[in-house]
Amino acid sequence: MIETSILLVDDNAIANFLSEKILTKMGFIDINAVTDGKKALDSLKKENCPDLVFLDLNMPIMDGFFFLMQAEKEFLCTHMKVIILTSSIRQKDKDRASQFSSVVDYIEKPLNQDKVQQVLEKIARIDAANKL
C-alpha cells in the first residue's frame, strides 16, 4: 500500500475510472476523483490536500489552468505536486503549465503504469535535489 494521496481531475469519468484502476493496481489507496477544476478547488479549500494531482487542462466550468492560478493565488495545498494529464500536445500549453510552481510533469493521456513510475522517479529526484 502506498500512502500517497491522489486527486484525479478530469471531466471524463471514464478517464478518471481507468486512471484510478491503474493507480489502485500499483498500490495507491487514497484516490479521489472530481470532474472539473472548481470541484478540485473546493476540495482543496476544505483542506483536503492531496500529495499528487493528476490534472486535465481542457474541462468545462473551470479548466486546469484556472485551477492552477487560483490554487497558487490562494496558497492552497502548497506541498502538492501537479502532473498535467492531458490530450493536448501543444507546446504553448506545455510552456504555460511549466510556469506554475506546483507542476512537476506534463504527460499525455492515457495514464499507464510506466508513466506513473516515471513521474514518481522524477518527483523523487526533485525531492532529493531540494534536500541538498
C-alpha atoms as a PDB file:
ATOM      1  CA  MET A   1       0.000   0.000   0.000  1.00  0.00           C
ATOM      2  CA  ILE A   2       1.262   3.425  -0.937  1.00  0.00           C
ATOM      3  CA  GLU A   3       0.249   6.180   1.482  1.00  0.00           C
ATOM      4  CA  THR A   4       0.407   8.990  -1.097  1.00  0.00           C
ATOM      5  CA  SER A   5      -2.937  10.783  -1.517  1.00  0.00           C
ATOM      6  CA  ILE A   6      -4.035  11.468  -5.072  1.00  0.00           C
ATOM      7  CA  LEU A   7      -6.651  13.712  -6.649  1.00  0.00           C
ATOM      8  CA  LEU A   8      -7.737  12.980 -10.220  1.00  0.00           C
ATOM      9  CA  VAL A   9      -9.246  15.980 -12.009  1.00  0.00           C
ATOM     10  CA  ASP A  10     -10.809  15.191 -15.389  1.00  0.00           C
ATOM     11  CA  ASP A  11     -14.232  15.874 -16.878  1.00  0.00           C
ATOM     12  CA  ASN A  12     -14.160  12.434 -18.484  1.00  0.00           C
ATOM     13  CA  ALA A  13     -15.493   9.996 -15.887  1.00  0.00           C
ATOM     14  CA  ILE A  14     -14.156   7.028 -17.843  1.00  0.00           C
ATOM     15  CA  ALA A  15     -10.642   8.518 -17.845  1.00  0.00           C
ATOM     16  CA  ASN A  16     -10.894   9.025 -14.068  1.00  0.00           C
ATOM     17  CA  PHE A  17     -12.123   5.450 -13.625  1.00  0.00           C
ATOM     18  CA  LEU A  18      -9.303   3.980 -15.715  1.00  0.00           C
ATOM     19  CA  SER A  19      -6.659   6.129 -14.006  1.00  0.00           C
ATOM     20  CA  GLU A  20      -7.995   5.086 -10.611  1.00  0.00           C
ATOM     21  CA  LYS A  21      -7.815   1.409 -11.608  1.00  0.00           C
ATOM     22  CA  ILE A  22      -4.182   1.781 -12.714  1.00  0.00           C
ATOM     23  CA  LEU A  23      -3.203   3.610  -9.532  1.00  0.00           C
ATOM     24  CA  THR A  24      -5.038   1.085  -7.335  1.00  0.00           C
ATOM     25  CA  LYS A  25      -3.290  -1.772  -9.101  1.00  0.00           C
ATOM     26  CA  MET A  26       0.031  -0.064  -8.302  1.00  0.00           C
ATOM     27  CA  GLY A  27      -0.843   0.029  -4.598  1.00  0.00           C
ATOM     28  CA  PHE A  28      -2.235   3.529  -4.089  1.00  0.00           C
ATOM     29  CA  ILE A  29      -5.205   3.544  -1.729  1.00  0.00           C
ATOM     30  CA  ASP A  30      -6.102   7.208  -1.125  1.00  0.00           C
ATOM     31  CA  ILE A  31      -7.515   8.269  -4.500  1.00  0.00           C
ATOM     32  CA  ASN A  32     -10.287  10.782  -5.090  1.00  0.00           C
ATOM     33  CA  ALA A  33     -11.676  11.953  -8.410  1.00  0.00           C
ATOM     34  CA  VAL A  34     -13.572  15.077  -9.447  1.00  0.00           C
ATOM     35  CA  THR A  35     -14.872  16.208 -12.821  1.00  0.00           C
ATOM     36  CA  ASP A  36     -13.761  19.846 -13.024  1.00  0.00           C
ATOM     37  CA  GLY A  37     -11.353  22.390 -11.621  1.00  0.00           C
ATOM     38  CA  LYS A  38     -13.991  24.062  -9.449  1.00  0.00           C
ATOM     39  CA  LYS A  39     -14.718  20.819  -7.595  1.00  0.00           C
ATOM     40  CA  ALA A  40     -10.986  20.277  -7.205  1.00  0.00           C
ATOM     41  CA  LEU A  41     -10.521  23.805  -5.850  1.00  0.00           C
ATOM     42  CA  ASP A  42     -13.439  23.337  -3.455  1.00  0.00           C
ATOM     43  CA  SER A  43     -11.780  20.149  -2.199  1.00  0.00           C
ATOM     44  CA  LEU A  44      -8.509  21.996  -1.553  1.00  0.00           C
ATOM     45  CA  LYS A  45     -10.361  24.770   0.281  1.00  0.00           C
ATOM     46  CA  LYS A  46     -11.746  22.118   2.659  1.00  0.00           C
ATOM     47  CA  GLU A  47      -8.095  21.318   3.415  1.00  0.00           C
ATOM     48  CA  ASN A  48      -8.262  18.009   1.601  1.00  0.00           C
ATOM     49  CA  CYS A  49      -4.691  18.451   0.410  1.00  0.00           C
ATOM     50  CA  PRO A  50      -3.512  15.642  -1.848  1.00  0.00           C
ATOM     51  CA  ASP A  51       0.150  14.825  -2.341  1.00  0.00           C
ATOM     52  CA  LEU A  52      -0.348  14.401  -6.097  1.00  0.00           C
ATOM     53  CA  VAL A  53      -2.866  15.877  -8.516  1.00  0.00           C
ATOM     54  CA  PHE A  54      -3.336  14.459 -11.999  1.00  0.00           C
ATOM     55  CA  LEU A  55      -4.915  17.426 -13.782  1.00  0.00           C
ATOM     56  CA  ASP A  56      -6.598  17.652 -17.157  1.00  0.00           C
ATOM     57  CA  LEU A  57      -6.386  21.050 -18.844  1.00  0.00           C
ATOM     58  CA  ASN A  58      -9.482  21.200 -21.023  1.00  0.00           C
ATOM     59  CA  MET A  59     -12.584  20.957 -18.855  1.00  0.00           C
ATOM     60  CA  PRO A  60     -15.897  22.806 -18.623  1.00  0.00           C
ATOM     61  CA  ILE A  61     -16.796  25.000 -15.633  1.00  0.00           C
ATOM     62  CA  MET A  62     -13.142  25.565 -14.628  1.00  0.00           C
ATOM     63  CA  ASP A  63     -10.216  24.441 -16.741  1.00  0.00           C
ATOM     64  CA  GLY A  64      -6.902  23.201 -15.423  1.00  0.00           C
ATOM     65  CA  PHE A  65      -5.041  26.477 -15.911  1.00  0.00           C
ATOM     66  CA  PHE A  66      -7.605  28.480 -13.941  1.00  0.00           C
ATOM     67  CA  PHE A  67      -7.489  25.845 -11.196  1.00  0.00           C
ATOM     68  CA  LEU A  68      -3.703  26.228 -11.009  1.00  0.00           C
ATOM     69  CA  MET A  69      -3.922  30.040 -10.945  1.00  0.00           C
ATOM     70  CA  GLN A  70      -6.475  30.018  -8.139  1.00  0.00           C
ATOM     71  CA  ALA A  71      -4.687  27.364  -6.063  1.00  0.00           C
ATOM     72  CA  GLU A  72      -1.418  29.298  -6.230  1.00  0.00           C
ATOM     73  CA  LYS A  73      -3.085  32.693  -5.713  1.00  0.00           C
ATOM     74  CA  GLU A  74      -4.832  31.432  -2.570  1.00  0.00           C
ATOM     75  CA  PHE A  75      -1.790  29.443  -1.350  1.00  0.00           C
ATOM     76  CA  LEU A  76      -3.830  26.239  -1.209  1.00  0.00           C
ATOM     77  CA  CYS A  77      -2.044  22.965  -0.529  1.00  0.00           C
ATOM     78  CA  THR A  78       1.378  24.376  -1.273  1.00  0.00           C
ATOM     79  CA  HIS A  79       3.063  20.978  -0.894  1.00  0.00           C
ATOM     80  CA  MET A  80       1.001  19.247  -3.596  1.00  0.00           C
ATOM     81  CA  LYS A  81       2.681  18.203  -6.808  1.00  0.00           C
ATOM     82  CA  VAL A  82       0.654  18.561 -10.002  1.00  0.00           C
ATOM     83  CA  ILE A  83       1.038  16.328 -13.014  1.00  0.00           C
ATOM     84  CA  ILE A  84      -0.713  17.635 -16.094  1.00  0.00           C
ATOM     85  CA  LEU A  85      -2.502  14.662 -17.670  1.00  0.00           C
ATOM     86  CA  THR A  86      -3.974  15.826 -20.938  1.00  0.00           C
ATOM     87  CA  SER A  87      -4.537  15.055 -24.579  1.00  0.00           C
ATOM     88  CA  SER A  88      -3.040  18.429 -25.540  1.00  0.00           C
ATOM     89  CA  ILE A  89       0.342  18.161 -27.205  1.00  0.00           C
ATOM     90  CA  ARG A  90       0.512  21.904 -27.902  1.00  0.00           C
ATOM     91  CA  GLN A  91       3.853  23.422 -26.944  1.00  0.00           C
ATOM     92  CA  LYS A  92       2.008  26.558 -25.838  1.00  0.00           C
ATOM     93  CA  ASP A  93       0.148  24.519 -23.189  1.00  0.00           C
ATOM     94  CA  LYS A  94       3.372  22.814 -22.044  1.00  0.00           C
ATOM     95  CA  ASP A  95       5.123  26.171 -21.716  1.00  0.00           C
ATOM     96  CA  ARG A  96       2.220  27.710 -19.831  1.00  0.00           C
ATOM     97  CA  ALA A  97       1.971  24.737 -17.463  1.00  0.00           C
ATOM     98  CA  SER A  98       5.678  24.920 -16.659  1.00  0.00           C
ATOM     99  CA  GLN A  99       5.178  28.435 -15.256  1.00  0.00           C
ATOM    100  CA  PHE A 100       3.273  27.066 -12.239  1.00  0.00           C
ATOM    101  CA  SER A 101       5.477  26.111  -9.300  1.00  0.00           C
ATOM    102  CA  SER A 102       3.288  23.130  -8.373  1.00  0.00           C
ATOM    103  CA  VAL A 103       3.533  21.480 -11.818  1.00  0.00           C
ATOM    104  CA  VAL A 104       6.225  18.804 -11.853  1.00  0.00           C
ATOM    105  CA  ASP A 105       5.385  16.989 -15.080  1.00  0.00           C
ATOM    106  CA  TYR A 106       3.289  17.114 -18.246  1.00  0.00           C
ATOM    107  CA  ILE A 107       2.162  13.796 -19.683  1.00  0.00           C
ATOM    108  CA  GLU A 108      -0.232  12.757 -22.389  1.00  0.00           C
ATOM    109  CA  LYS A 109      -3.312  10.647 -21.820  1.00  0.00           C
ATOM    110  CA  PRO A 110      -3.944   7.864 -21.205  1.00  0.00           C
ATOM    111  CA  LEU A 111      -2.259   7.203 -17.885  1.00  0.00           C
ATOM    112  CA  ASN A 112      -0.429   3.906 -17.567  1.00  0.00           C
ATOM    113  CA  GLN A 113       1.882   2.277 -15.031  1.00  0.00           C
ATOM    114  CA  ASP A 114       5.056   3.273 -16.892  1.00  0.00           C
ATOM    115  CA  LYS A 115       4.028   6.935 -16.910  1.00  0.00           C
ATOM    116  CA  VAL A 116       3.175   6.824 -13.200  1.00  0.00           C
ATOM    117  CA  GLN A 117       6.539   5.208 -12.430  1.00  0.00           C
ATOM    118  CA  GLN A 118       8.375   7.866 -14.449  1.00  0.00           C
ATOM    119  CA  VAL A 119       6.510  10.618 -12.593  1.00  0.00           C
ATOM    120  CA  LEU A 120       7.333   9.066  -9.210  1.00  0.00           C
ATOM    121  CA  GLU A 121      11.009   8.805 -10.146  1.00  0.00           C
ATOM    122  CA  LYS A 122      11.050  12.434 -11.295  1.00  0.00           C
ATOM    123  CA  ILE A 123       9.427  13.564  -8.034  1.00  0.00           C
ATOM    124  CA  ALA A 124      11.980  11.556  -6.040  1.00  0.00           C
ATOM    125  CA  ARG A 125      14.824  13.306  -7.930  1.00  0.00           C
ATOM    126  CA  ILE A 126      13.242  16.722  -7.303  1.00  0.00           C
ATOM    127  CA  ASP A 127      12.771  15.955  -3.594  1.00  0.00           C
ATOM    128  CA  ALA A 128      16.362  14.710  -3.294  1.00  0.00           C
ATOM    129  CA  ALA A 129      17.712  17.839  -5.018  1.00  0.00           C
ATOM    130  CA  ASN A 130      15.641  20.076  -2.724  1.00  0.00           C
ATOM    131  CA  LYS A 131      17.173  18.428   0.350  1.00  0.00           C
ATOM    132  CA  LEU A 132      20.716  19.305  -0.751  1.00  0.00           C
END
